[in-house]
Amino acid sequence: LWFVGDLHGDLLALEAALALAAAESAGGPAPRFVFLGDLFDDGGHGLEVLLRVFELLAADPARACVLAGNHDEALGWDG
């Protein structure tokens, strides 16, 4: 189980974490991820990070979970 948090639009960090998890679990069960929010808002690739995480969710919903961080909630619509 891998916990990934505060990516803030850093696509390279996300891909590095995914690659490390895949390498560490080679020959075993597929890694599972808990994303601890703050996927975007500061870095230059927020949309790409968000799309990549959603891609993981769509491919296998049992392998990934996303919790909203304070930056994620701050960008939300409040009515």
N, C-alpha and C. Protein backbone atom coordinates (compact mmCIF):
# COMPACT_ATOMS: atom_id res chain seq x y z
N LEU A 1 0.86 -1.17 0.00
CA LEU A 1 0.00 0.00 0.00
C LEU A 1 0.90 1.23 0.00
N TRP A 2 0.69 2.10 -0.97
CA TRP A 2 1.52 3.31 -1.13
C TRP A 2 0.67 4.55 -0.87
N PHE A 3 1.21 5.45 -0.08
CA PHE A 3 0.55 6.73 0.21
C PHE A 3 1.32 7.82 -0.53
N VAL A 4 0.60 8.61 -1.33
CA VAL A 4 1.21 9.67 -2.13
C VAL A 4 0.44 10.96 -1.83
N GLY A 5 1.14 11.98 -1.39
CA GLY A 5 0.45 13.22 -1.05
C GLY A 5 1.18 14.46 -1.53
N ASP A 6 0.44 15.53 -1.61
CA ASP A 6 0.97 16.85 -1.91
C ASP A 6 1.79 16.89 -3.20
N LEU A 7 1.23 16.37 -4.27
CA LEU A 7 1.92 16.41 -5.55
C LEU A 7 1.96 17.82 -6.13
N HIS A 8 0.94 18.60 -5.89
CA HIS A 8 0.87 19.99 -6.35
C HIS A 8 1.30 20.16 -7.81
N GLY A 9 0.78 19.27 -8.67
CA GLY A 9 1.05 19.41 -10.09
C GLY A 9 2.40 18.90 -10.55
N ASP A 10 3.08 18.13 -9.72
CA ASP A 10 4.39 17.60 -10.08
C ASP A 10 4.22 16.23 -10.73
N LEU A 11 4.06 16.23 -12.04
CA LEU A 11 3.82 15.01 -12.79
C LEU A 11 5.02 14.07 -12.71
N LEU A 12 6.22 14.61 -12.73
CA LEU A 12 7.42 13.78 -12.64
C LEU A 12 7.46 13.02 -11.32
N ALA A 13 7.09 13.67 -10.23
CA ALA A 13 7.07 13.00 -8.92
C ALA A 13 6.03 11.88 -8.91
N LEU A 14 4.87 12.13 -9.51
CA LEU A 14 3.83 11.10 -9.58
C LEU A 14 4.33 9.90 -10.36
N GLU A 15 4.89 10.14 -11.54
CA GLU A 15 5.37 9.03 -12.36
C GLU A 15 6.51 8.29 -11.67
N ALA A 16 7.36 8.99 -10.94
CA ALA A 16 8.45 8.34 -10.20
C ALA A 16 7.89 7.45 -9.10
N ALA A 17 6.88 7.93 -8.40
CA ALA A 17 6.24 7.14 -7.34
C ALA A 17 5.59 5.89 -7.92
N LEU A 18 4.91 6.04 -9.05
CA LEU A 18 4.26 4.90 -9.69
C LEU A 18 5.29 3.88 -10.16
N ALA A 19 6.41 4.35 -10.72
CA ALA A 19 7.46 3.46 -11.18
C ALA A 19 8.12 2.72 -10.01
N LEU A 20 8.37 3.43 -8.93
CA LEU A 20 8.97 2.80 -7.76
C LEU A 20 8.04 1.73 -7.19
N ALA A 21 6.77 2.05 -7.09
CA ALA A 21 5.80 1.08 -6.57
C ALA A 21 5.74 -0.15 -7.46
N ALA A 22 5.76 0.05 -8.77
CA ALA A 22 5.73 -1.08 -9.71
C ALA A 22 6.98 -1.93 -9.57
N ALA A 23 8.14 -1.30 -9.42
CA ALA A 23 9.39 -2.04 -9.29
C ALA A 23 9.44 -2.82 -7.98
N GLU A 24 8.97 -2.22 -6.91
CA GLU A 24 8.99 -2.87 -5.60
C GLU A 24 8.01 -4.04 -5.53
N SER A 25 6.96 -4.01 -6.32
CA SER A 25 5.95 -5.07 -6.26
C SER A 25 6.08 -6.05 -7.41
N ALA A 26 7.18 -5.99 -8.15
CA ALA A 26 7.38 -6.89 -9.29
C ALA A 26 7.29 -8.34 -8.83
N GLY A 27 6.47 -9.11 -9.53
CA GLY A 27 6.30 -10.51 -9.19
C GLY A 27 5.27 -10.75 -8.10
N GLY A 28 4.75 -9.69 -7.52
CA GLY A 28 3.75 -9.81 -6.46
C GLY A 28 2.45 -9.16 -6.89
N PRO A 29 1.58 -8.93 -5.94
CA PRO A 29 0.32 -8.26 -6.28
C PRO A 29 0.56 -6.82 -6.73
N ALA A 30 -0.36 -6.34 -7.54
CA ALA A 30 -0.26 -4.95 -8.02
C ALA A 30 -0.33 -3.98 -6.85
N PRO A 31 0.45 -2.91 -6.91
CA PRO A 31 0.42 -1.94 -5.81
C PRO A 31 -0.92 -1.22 -5.73
N ARG A 32 -1.26 -0.83 -4.53
CA ARG A 32 -2.46 -0.02 -4.27
C ARG A 32 -2.00 1.34 -3.79
N PHE A 33 -2.80 2.36 -4.11
CA PHE A 33 -2.41 3.74 -3.81
C PHE A 33 -3.51 4.47 -3.05
N VAL A 34 -3.09 5.29 -2.10
CA VAL A 34 -3.96 6.25 -1.46
C VAL A 34 -3.35 7.62 -1.75
N PHE A 35 -4.07 8.43 -2.51
CA PHE A 35 -3.61 9.78 -2.83
C PHE A 35 -4.18 10.72 -1.78
N LEU A 36 -3.28 11.42 -1.10
CA LEU A 36 -3.66 12.22 0.06
C LEU A 36 -3.94 13.68 -0.27
N GLY A 37 -4.43 13.92 -1.45
CA GLY A 37 -4.88 15.26 -1.80
C GLY A 37 -3.79 16.20 -2.25
N ASP A 38 -4.21 17.42 -2.50
CA ASP A 38 -3.34 18.47 -3.04
C ASP A 38 -2.66 18.00 -4.33
N LEU A 39 -3.48 17.51 -5.25
CA LEU A 39 -2.97 17.01 -6.53
C LEU A 39 -2.54 18.15 -7.44
N PHE A 40 -3.13 19.32 -7.29
CA PHE A 40 -2.83 20.44 -8.18
C PHE A 40 -2.84 21.73 -7.39
N ASP A 41 -2.68 22.83 -8.07
CA ASP A 41 -2.80 24.18 -7.55
C ASP A 41 -1.49 24.96 -7.52
N ASP A 42 -0.34 24.31 -7.40
CA ASP A 42 0.91 25.07 -7.35
C ASP A 42 1.83 24.77 -8.54
N GLY A 43 1.95 23.52 -8.90
CA GLY A 43 2.89 23.12 -9.95
C GLY A 43 2.36 23.38 -11.34
N GLY A 44 3.19 23.11 -12.32
CA GLY A 44 2.85 23.42 -13.70
C GLY A 44 2.04 22.37 -14.43
N HIS A 45 1.82 21.20 -13.82
CA HIS A 45 1.14 20.13 -14.53
C HIS A 45 -0.03 19.58 -13.72
N GLY A 46 -0.79 20.46 -13.12
CA GLY A 46 -1.91 20.05 -12.28
C GLY A 46 -2.95 19.23 -13.03
N LEU A 47 -3.30 19.67 -14.23
CA LEU A 47 -4.30 18.95 -15.02
C LEU A 47 -3.79 17.56 -15.38
N GLU A 48 -2.54 17.46 -15.77
CA GLU A 48 -1.96 16.17 -16.15
C GLU A 48 -1.91 15.22 -14.95
N VAL A 49 -1.57 15.73 -13.78
CA VAL A 49 -1.56 14.90 -12.57
C VAL A 49 -2.97 14.40 -12.28
N LEU A 50 -3.93 15.30 -12.34
CA LEU A 50 -5.31 14.92 -12.09
C LEU A 50 -5.78 13.85 -13.08
N LEU A 51 -5.49 14.04 -14.35
CA LEU A 51 -5.88 13.07 -15.37
C LEU A 51 -5.19 11.72 -15.17
N ARG A 52 -3.93 11.74 -14.78
CA ARG A 52 -3.19 10.48 -14.55
C ARG A 52 -3.78 9.72 -13.37
N VAL A 53 -4.13 10.43 -12.31
CA VAL A 53 -4.74 9.77 -11.15
C VAL A 53 -6.11 9.21 -11.54
N PHE A 54 -6.90 9.98 -12.29
CA PHE A 54 -8.20 9.48 -12.74
C PHE A 54 -8.04 8.29 -13.68
N GLU A 55 -6.98 8.28 -14.45
CA GLU A 55 -6.68 7.14 -15.32
C GLU A 55 -6.46 5.88 -14.49
N LEU A 56 -5.74 6.01 -13.39
CA LEU A 56 -5.52 4.88 -12.49
C LEU A 56 -6.84 4.41 -11.87
N LEU A 57 -7.67 5.36 -11.48
CA LEU A 57 -8.97 5.02 -10.90
C LEU A 57 -9.86 4.30 -11.90
N ALA A 58 -9.87 4.78 -13.13
CA ALA A 58 -10.72 4.18 -14.16
C ALA A 58 -10.24 2.78 -14.53
N ALA A 59 -8.93 2.57 -14.54
CA ALA A 59 -8.37 1.28 -14.92
C ALA A 59 -8.69 0.20 -13.89
N ASP A 60 -8.65 0.55 -12.61
CA ASP A 60 -8.92 -0.42 -11.55
C ASP A 60 -9.28 0.32 -10.27
N PRO A 61 -10.57 0.59 -10.05
CA PRO A 61 -10.99 1.37 -8.89
C PRO A 61 -10.59 0.77 -7.54
N ALA A 62 -10.34 -0.52 -7.51
CA ALA A 62 -9.96 -1.16 -6.24
C ALA A 62 -8.51 -0.89 -5.88
N ARG A 63 -7.74 -0.33 -6.79
CA ARG A 63 -6.31 -0.10 -6.55
C ARG A 63 -5.97 1.32 -6.14
N ALA A 64 -6.94 2.23 -6.17
CA ALA A 64 -6.62 3.63 -5.86
C ALA A 64 -7.76 4.30 -5.11
N CYS A 65 -7.38 5.19 -4.24
CA CYS A 65 -8.33 5.98 -3.45
C CYS A 65 -7.80 7.41 -3.41
N VAL A 66 -8.69 8.38 -3.50
CA VAL A 66 -8.28 9.79 -3.48
C VAL A 66 -9.00 10.51 -2.35
N LEU A 67 -8.24 11.20 -1.53
CA LEU A 67 -8.80 12.06 -0.50
C LEU A 67 -8.52 13.50 -0.90
N ALA A 68 -9.48 14.37 -0.70
CA ALA A 68 -9.29 15.79 -1.05
C ALA A 68 -8.40 16.47 -0.02
N GLY A 69 -7.48 17.27 -0.52
CA GLY A 69 -6.63 18.07 0.35
C GLY A 69 -7.15 19.49 0.45
N ASN A 70 -6.50 20.31 1.24
CA ASN A 70 -6.98 21.68 1.43
C ASN A 70 -6.92 22.49 0.14
N HIS A 71 -5.92 22.26 -0.72
CA HIS A 71 -5.85 22.98 -1.99
C HIS A 71 -6.95 22.52 -2.93
N ASP A 72 -7.26 21.22 -2.91
CA ASP A 72 -8.33 20.69 -3.75
C ASP A 72 -9.67 21.30 -3.34
N GLU A 73 -9.93 21.32 -2.05
CA GLU A 73 -11.21 21.86 -1.56
C GLU A 73 -11.30 23.36 -1.76
N ALA A 74 -10.18 24.06 -1.68
CA ALA A 74 -10.21 25.52 -1.85
C ALA A 74 -10.61 25.92 -3.26
N LEU A 75 -10.39 25.05 -4.24
CA LEU A 75 -10.76 25.34 -5.61
C LEU A 75 -12.19 24.91 -5.94
N GLY A 76 -12.87 24.34 -4.96
CA GLY A 76 -14.23 23.84 -5.17
C GLY A 76 -15.24 24.97 -5.25
N TRP A 77 -16.36 24.62 -5.82
CA TRP A 77 -17.46 25.56 -5.92
C TRP A 77 -18.29 25.51 -4.65
N ASP A 78 -18.58 26.64 -4.03
CA ASP A 78 -19.30 26.64 -2.76
C ASP A 78 -20.70 27.19 -2.88
N GLY A 79 -21.24 27.21 -4.09
CA GLY A 79 -22.63 27.59 -4.25
C GLY A 79 -22.82 29.01 -4.61
